[in-house]
Structures are given as structure tokens and as C-alpha cells.
Amino acid sequence: MAEAVAKGELLYKELTADIIVAALAVHNTLGCGLLEKVYENALVWELTLRKHKVLAQQEFRVTYRDKEVGVYYADLVVDGREGRGRS
């Protein structure tokens, strides 16, 4: 995966493009200056309208060498993808 990122390749090219277009639609409609949660809610709705399955503030338990070391909350998980590759 690191090689792909270094080359500028995207892991989920079509999905990434759709998320960017949706984010721009939200920004163009709402403008700037609102709280992050407002944009998050609007983006969830925009992606839902575009037929994506979206989970907000999804919890992921982080383990290191078989020990849980923390919890990570992803802002959005779209179509079951958390945005990083798995080895």
C-alpha cells in the first residue's frame, strides 16, 4: 500500500471521487463557517442520497501485539471501508 500512496494511486478510486464530489456539493451549498458536526451530518445525508451506506463516528478497537491499546473513532465509514489497507 505504501508504494501505491507514494505513486499517488488511490485505494478506492471511484469511491474516493464520489466522496470528494459529495463534499464539494455540501460545501457549495452550506458555505463556510459552520461547526464540523453540521458538515459531517450534511455529508452523511449527501452520501446517503448517492446510495452509499454511511456510518458516522464508528468505533474501532486498536490492538498492538495482541493487546488492546486504545479506541479510534472514524468520522465516517462509507460502504464498509475505513480508508486504510489491511496487511
N, C-alpha and C. Protein backbone atom coordinates (compact mmCIF):
# COMPACT_ATOMS: atom_id res chain seq x y z
N MET A 1 0.81 -1.20 0.00
CA MET A 1 0.00 0.00 0.00
C MET A 1 0.85 1.25 0.00
N ALA A 2 1.95 1.26 0.74
CA ALA A 2 2.80 2.45 0.81
C ALA A 2 3.30 2.85 -0.57
N GLU A 3 3.62 1.85 -1.40
CA GLU A 3 4.08 2.14 -2.76
C GLU A 3 2.99 2.82 -3.58
N ALA A 4 1.75 2.35 -3.41
CA ALA A 4 0.63 2.94 -4.14
C ALA A 4 0.41 4.39 -3.73
N VAL A 5 0.51 4.66 -2.44
CA VAL A 5 0.33 6.03 -1.95
C VAL A 5 1.45 6.92 -2.48
N ALA A 6 2.68 6.41 -2.47
CA ALA A 6 3.82 7.18 -2.97
C ALA A 6 3.65 7.51 -4.45
N LYS A 7 3.01 6.63 -5.19
CA LYS A 7 2.79 6.86 -6.61
C LYS A 7 1.55 7.72 -6.87
N GLY A 8 0.82 8.08 -5.82
CA GLY A 8 -0.38 8.89 -5.98
C GLY A 8 -1.61 8.08 -6.35
N GLU A 9 -1.54 6.78 -6.21
CA GLU A 9 -2.68 5.93 -6.52
C GLU A 9 -3.62 5.89 -5.32
N LEU A 10 -4.91 5.81 -5.60
CA LEU A 10 -5.91 5.76 -4.55
C LEU A 10 -6.36 4.33 -4.32
N LEU A 11 -6.63 4.00 -3.07
CA LEU A 11 -7.05 2.66 -2.71
C LEU A 11 -8.44 2.35 -3.30
N TYR A 12 -9.36 3.27 -3.17
CA TYR A 12 -10.73 3.10 -3.69
C TYR A 12 -11.03 4.30 -4.58
N LYS A 13 -10.53 4.26 -5.80
CA LYS A 13 -10.54 5.43 -6.69
C LYS A 13 -11.96 5.97 -6.94
N GLU A 14 -12.89 5.12 -7.33
CA GLU A 14 -14.25 5.59 -7.64
C GLU A 14 -14.96 6.10 -6.40
N LEU A 15 -14.82 5.38 -5.30
CA LEU A 15 -15.45 5.80 -4.05
C LEU A 15 -14.87 7.13 -3.58
N THR A 16 -13.55 7.25 -3.66
CA THR A 16 -12.90 8.50 -3.26
C THR A 16 -13.41 9.66 -4.09
N ALA A 17 -13.54 9.48 -5.38
CA ALA A 17 -14.04 10.54 -6.27
C ALA A 17 -15.47 10.93 -5.88
N ASP A 18 -16.31 9.94 -5.58
CA ASP A 18 -17.70 10.23 -5.21
C ASP A 18 -17.77 10.98 -3.88
N ILE A 19 -16.91 10.62 -2.93
CA ILE A 19 -16.88 11.32 -1.64
C ILE A 19 -16.43 12.77 -1.83
N ILE A 20 -15.43 12.99 -2.67
CA ILE A 20 -14.96 14.35 -2.92
C ILE A 20 -16.04 15.19 -3.57
N VAL A 21 -16.73 14.63 -4.56
CA VAL A 21 -17.82 15.35 -5.23
C VAL A 21 -18.94 15.68 -4.22
N ALA A 22 -19.25 14.72 -3.35
CA ALA A 22 -20.29 14.96 -2.34
C ALA A 22 -19.86 16.04 -1.35
N ALA A 23 -18.60 16.01 -0.94
CA ALA A 23 -18.10 17.02 0.00
C ALA A 23 -18.13 18.41 -0.63
N LEU A 24 -17.78 18.49 -1.90
CA LEU A 24 -17.84 19.79 -2.59
C LEU A 24 -19.28 20.28 -2.72
N ALA A 25 -20.22 19.36 -2.96
CA ALA A 25 -21.63 19.74 -3.03
C ALA A 25 -22.10 20.31 -1.70
N VAL A 26 -21.70 19.67 -0.61
CA VAL A 26 -22.06 20.16 0.72
C VAL A 26 -21.47 21.54 0.95
N HIS A 27 -20.19 21.70 0.65
CA HIS A 27 -19.53 22.99 0.86
C HIS A 27 -20.15 24.08 -0.01
N ASN A 28 -20.43 23.76 -1.26
CA ASN A 28 -21.02 24.77 -2.16
C ASN A 28 -22.41 25.18 -1.71
N THR A 29 -23.12 24.29 -1.07
CA THR A 29 -24.47 24.60 -0.60
C THR A 29 -24.46 25.34 0.73
N LEU A 30 -23.65 24.86 1.68
CA LEU A 30 -23.65 25.44 3.03
C LEU A 30 -22.67 26.59 3.21
N GLY A 31 -21.64 26.63 2.38
CA GLY A 31 -20.61 27.65 2.56
C GLY A 31 -19.72 27.31 3.73
N CYS A 32 -18.96 28.29 4.18
CA CYS A 32 -18.02 28.04 5.27
C CYS A 32 -18.52 28.70 6.56
N GLY A 33 -17.90 28.33 7.67
CA GLY A 33 -18.18 28.99 8.94
C GLY A 33 -19.05 28.22 9.91
N LEU A 34 -19.51 27.05 9.53
CA LEU A 34 -20.36 26.27 10.43
C LEU A 34 -19.50 25.29 11.23
N LEU A 35 -20.09 24.70 12.24
CA LEU A 35 -19.39 23.71 13.04
C LEU A 35 -19.18 22.42 12.25
N GLU A 36 -18.10 21.71 12.58
CA GLU A 36 -17.74 20.48 11.87
C GLU A 36 -18.90 19.48 11.86
N LYS A 37 -19.63 19.37 12.95
CA LYS A 37 -20.71 18.39 13.04
C LYS A 37 -21.81 18.66 12.01
N VAL A 38 -22.05 19.93 11.70
CA VAL A 38 -23.05 20.28 10.69
C VAL A 38 -22.62 19.74 9.33
N TYR A 39 -21.35 19.96 8.98
CA TYR A 39 -20.84 19.45 7.70
C TYR A 39 -20.84 17.92 7.68
N GLU A 40 -20.49 17.31 8.80
CA GLU A 40 -20.50 15.85 8.88
C GLU A 40 -21.91 15.32 8.63
N ASN A 41 -22.89 15.90 9.29
CA ASN A 41 -24.28 15.46 9.11
C ASN A 41 -24.74 15.66 7.67
N ALA A 42 -24.37 16.79 7.08
CA ALA A 42 -24.76 17.06 5.69
C ALA A 42 -24.07 16.08 4.75
N LEU A 43 -22.81 15.76 5.00
CA LEU A 43 -22.09 14.83 4.14
C LEU A 43 -22.67 13.42 4.26
N VAL A 44 -23.03 13.02 5.46
CA VAL A 44 -23.70 11.73 5.64
C VAL A 44 -24.97 11.69 4.80
N TRP A 45 -25.76 12.76 4.86
CA TRP A 45 -27.01 12.80 4.10
C TRP A 45 -26.74 12.80 2.60
N GLU A 46 -25.77 13.59 2.15
CA GLU A 46 -25.45 13.66 0.72
C GLU A 46 -24.98 12.29 0.21
N LEU A 47 -24.13 11.62 0.96
CA LEU A 47 -23.66 10.30 0.54
C LEU A 47 -24.79 9.27 0.57
N THR A 48 -25.68 9.39 1.53
CA THR A 48 -26.85 8.51 1.58
C THR A 48 -27.73 8.72 0.36
N LEU A 49 -27.93 9.97 -0.03
CA LEU A 49 -28.71 10.26 -1.24
C LEU A 49 -28.05 9.67 -2.49
N ARG A 50 -26.73 9.53 -2.44
CA ARG A 50 -25.98 8.95 -3.55
C ARG A 50 -25.88 7.43 -3.43
N LYS A 51 -26.71 6.85 -2.55
CA LYS A 51 -26.85 5.39 -2.41
C LYS A 51 -25.65 4.71 -1.75
N HIS A 52 -24.94 5.45 -0.90
CA HIS A 52 -23.85 4.86 -0.13
C HIS A 52 -24.35 4.54 1.28
N LYS A 53 -23.78 3.50 1.86
CA LYS A 53 -24.05 3.17 3.26
C LYS A 53 -23.00 3.90 4.09
N VAL A 54 -23.44 4.74 5.02
CA VAL A 54 -22.52 5.59 5.78
C VAL A 54 -22.75 5.40 7.27
N LEU A 55 -21.66 5.18 8.00
CA LEU A 55 -21.69 5.14 9.45
C LEU A 55 -20.85 6.31 9.96
N ALA A 56 -21.39 7.06 10.91
CA ALA A 56 -20.66 8.20 11.48
C ALA A 56 -20.12 7.82 12.86
N GLN A 57 -18.93 8.32 13.16
CA GLN A 57 -18.28 8.12 14.46
C GLN A 57 -18.21 6.64 14.82
N GLN A 58 -17.77 5.84 13.86
CA GLN A 58 -17.65 4.40 14.05
C GLN A 58 -16.46 4.08 14.93
N GLU A 59 -16.68 3.25 15.93
CA GLU A 59 -15.63 2.89 16.88
C GLU A 59 -14.82 1.70 16.37
N PHE A 60 -13.50 1.81 16.47
CA PHE A 60 -12.59 0.72 16.14
C PHE A 60 -11.65 0.53 17.32
N ARG A 61 -11.58 -0.68 17.81
CA ARG A 61 -10.64 -1.00 18.88
C ARG A 61 -9.27 -1.23 18.25
N VAL A 62 -8.26 -0.65 18.82
CA VAL A 62 -6.89 -0.75 18.30
C VAL A 62 -6.10 -1.71 19.16
N THR A 63 -5.50 -2.68 18.49
CA THR A 63 -4.67 -3.64 19.22
C THR A 63 -3.24 -3.57 18.71
N TYR A 64 -2.34 -3.85 19.60
CA TYR A 64 -0.92 -3.91 19.28
C TYR A 64 -0.35 -5.14 19.95
N ARG A 65 0.16 -6.06 19.15
CA ARG A 65 0.74 -7.30 19.67
C ARG A 65 -0.21 -7.99 20.66
N ASP A 66 -1.43 -8.17 20.21
CA ASP A 66 -2.47 -8.87 20.97
C ASP A 66 -2.96 -8.13 22.21
N LYS A 67 -2.64 -6.86 22.34
CA LYS A 67 -3.13 -6.07 23.48
C LYS A 67 -3.91 -4.88 22.96
N GLU A 68 -5.10 -4.68 23.52
CA GLU A 68 -5.87 -3.50 23.15
C GLU A 68 -5.19 -2.27 23.76
N VAL A 69 -4.87 -1.30 22.88
CA VAL A 69 -4.14 -0.12 23.33
C VAL A 69 -4.95 1.17 23.21
N GLY A 70 -6.15 1.07 22.67
CA GLY A 70 -6.95 2.27 22.55
C GLY A 70 -8.16 2.06 21.67
N VAL A 71 -8.88 3.15 21.50
CA VAL A 71 -10.07 3.16 20.65
C VAL A 71 -9.93 4.32 19.68
N TYR A 72 -10.24 4.05 18.42
CA TYR A 72 -10.21 5.06 17.37
C TYR A 72 -11.63 5.26 16.88
N TYR A 73 -12.04 6.51 16.68
CA TYR A 73 -13.36 6.82 16.14
C TYR A 73 -13.19 7.43 14.76
N ALA A 74 -13.61 6.68 13.75
CA ALA A 74 -13.56 7.19 12.38
C ALA A 74 -14.71 8.16 12.19
N ASP A 75 -14.43 9.32 11.62
CA ASP A 75 -15.51 10.28 11.37
C ASP A 75 -16.61 9.65 10.54
N LEU A 76 -16.23 9.05 9.41
CA LEU A 76 -17.20 8.38 8.54
C LEU A 76 -16.60 7.08 8.01
N VAL A 77 -17.44 6.07 7.91
CA VAL A 77 -17.09 4.84 7.22
C VAL A 77 -18.11 4.71 6.09
N VAL A 78 -17.62 4.71 4.86
CA VAL A 78 -18.50 4.69 3.69
C VAL A 78 -18.39 3.34 3.00
N ASP A 79 -19.51 2.71 2.83
CA ASP A 79 -19.60 1.40 2.18
C ASP A 79 -18.68 0.37 2.84
N GLY A 80 -18.57 0.46 4.16
CA GLY A 80 -17.81 -0.53 4.90
C GLY A 80 -16.31 -0.40 4.80
N ARG A 81 -15.84 0.73 4.30
CA ARG A 81 -14.39 0.92 4.13
C ARG A 81 -13.91 2.02 5.04
N GLU A 82 -12.94 1.71 5.87
CA GLU A 82 -12.46 2.71 6.82
C GLU A 82 -11.30 3.53 6.28
N GLY A 83 -10.89 3.28 5.05
CA GLY A 83 -9.93 4.15 4.40
C GLY A 83 -8.47 3.80 4.59
N ARG A 84 -8.20 2.60 5.07
CA ARG A 84 -6.79 2.20 5.14
C ARG A 84 -6.72 0.72 4.79
N GLY A 85 -5.63 0.35 4.22
CA GLY A 85 -5.45 -1.03 3.78
C GLY A 85 -5.13 -1.95 4.95
N ARG A 86 -5.38 -3.20 4.76
CA ARG A 86 -5.09 -4.22 5.76
C ARG A 86 -4.00 -5.13 5.22
N SER A 87 -3.05 -5.46 6.05
CA SER A 87 -1.99 -6.38 5.61
C SER A 87 -2.46 -7.81 5.75
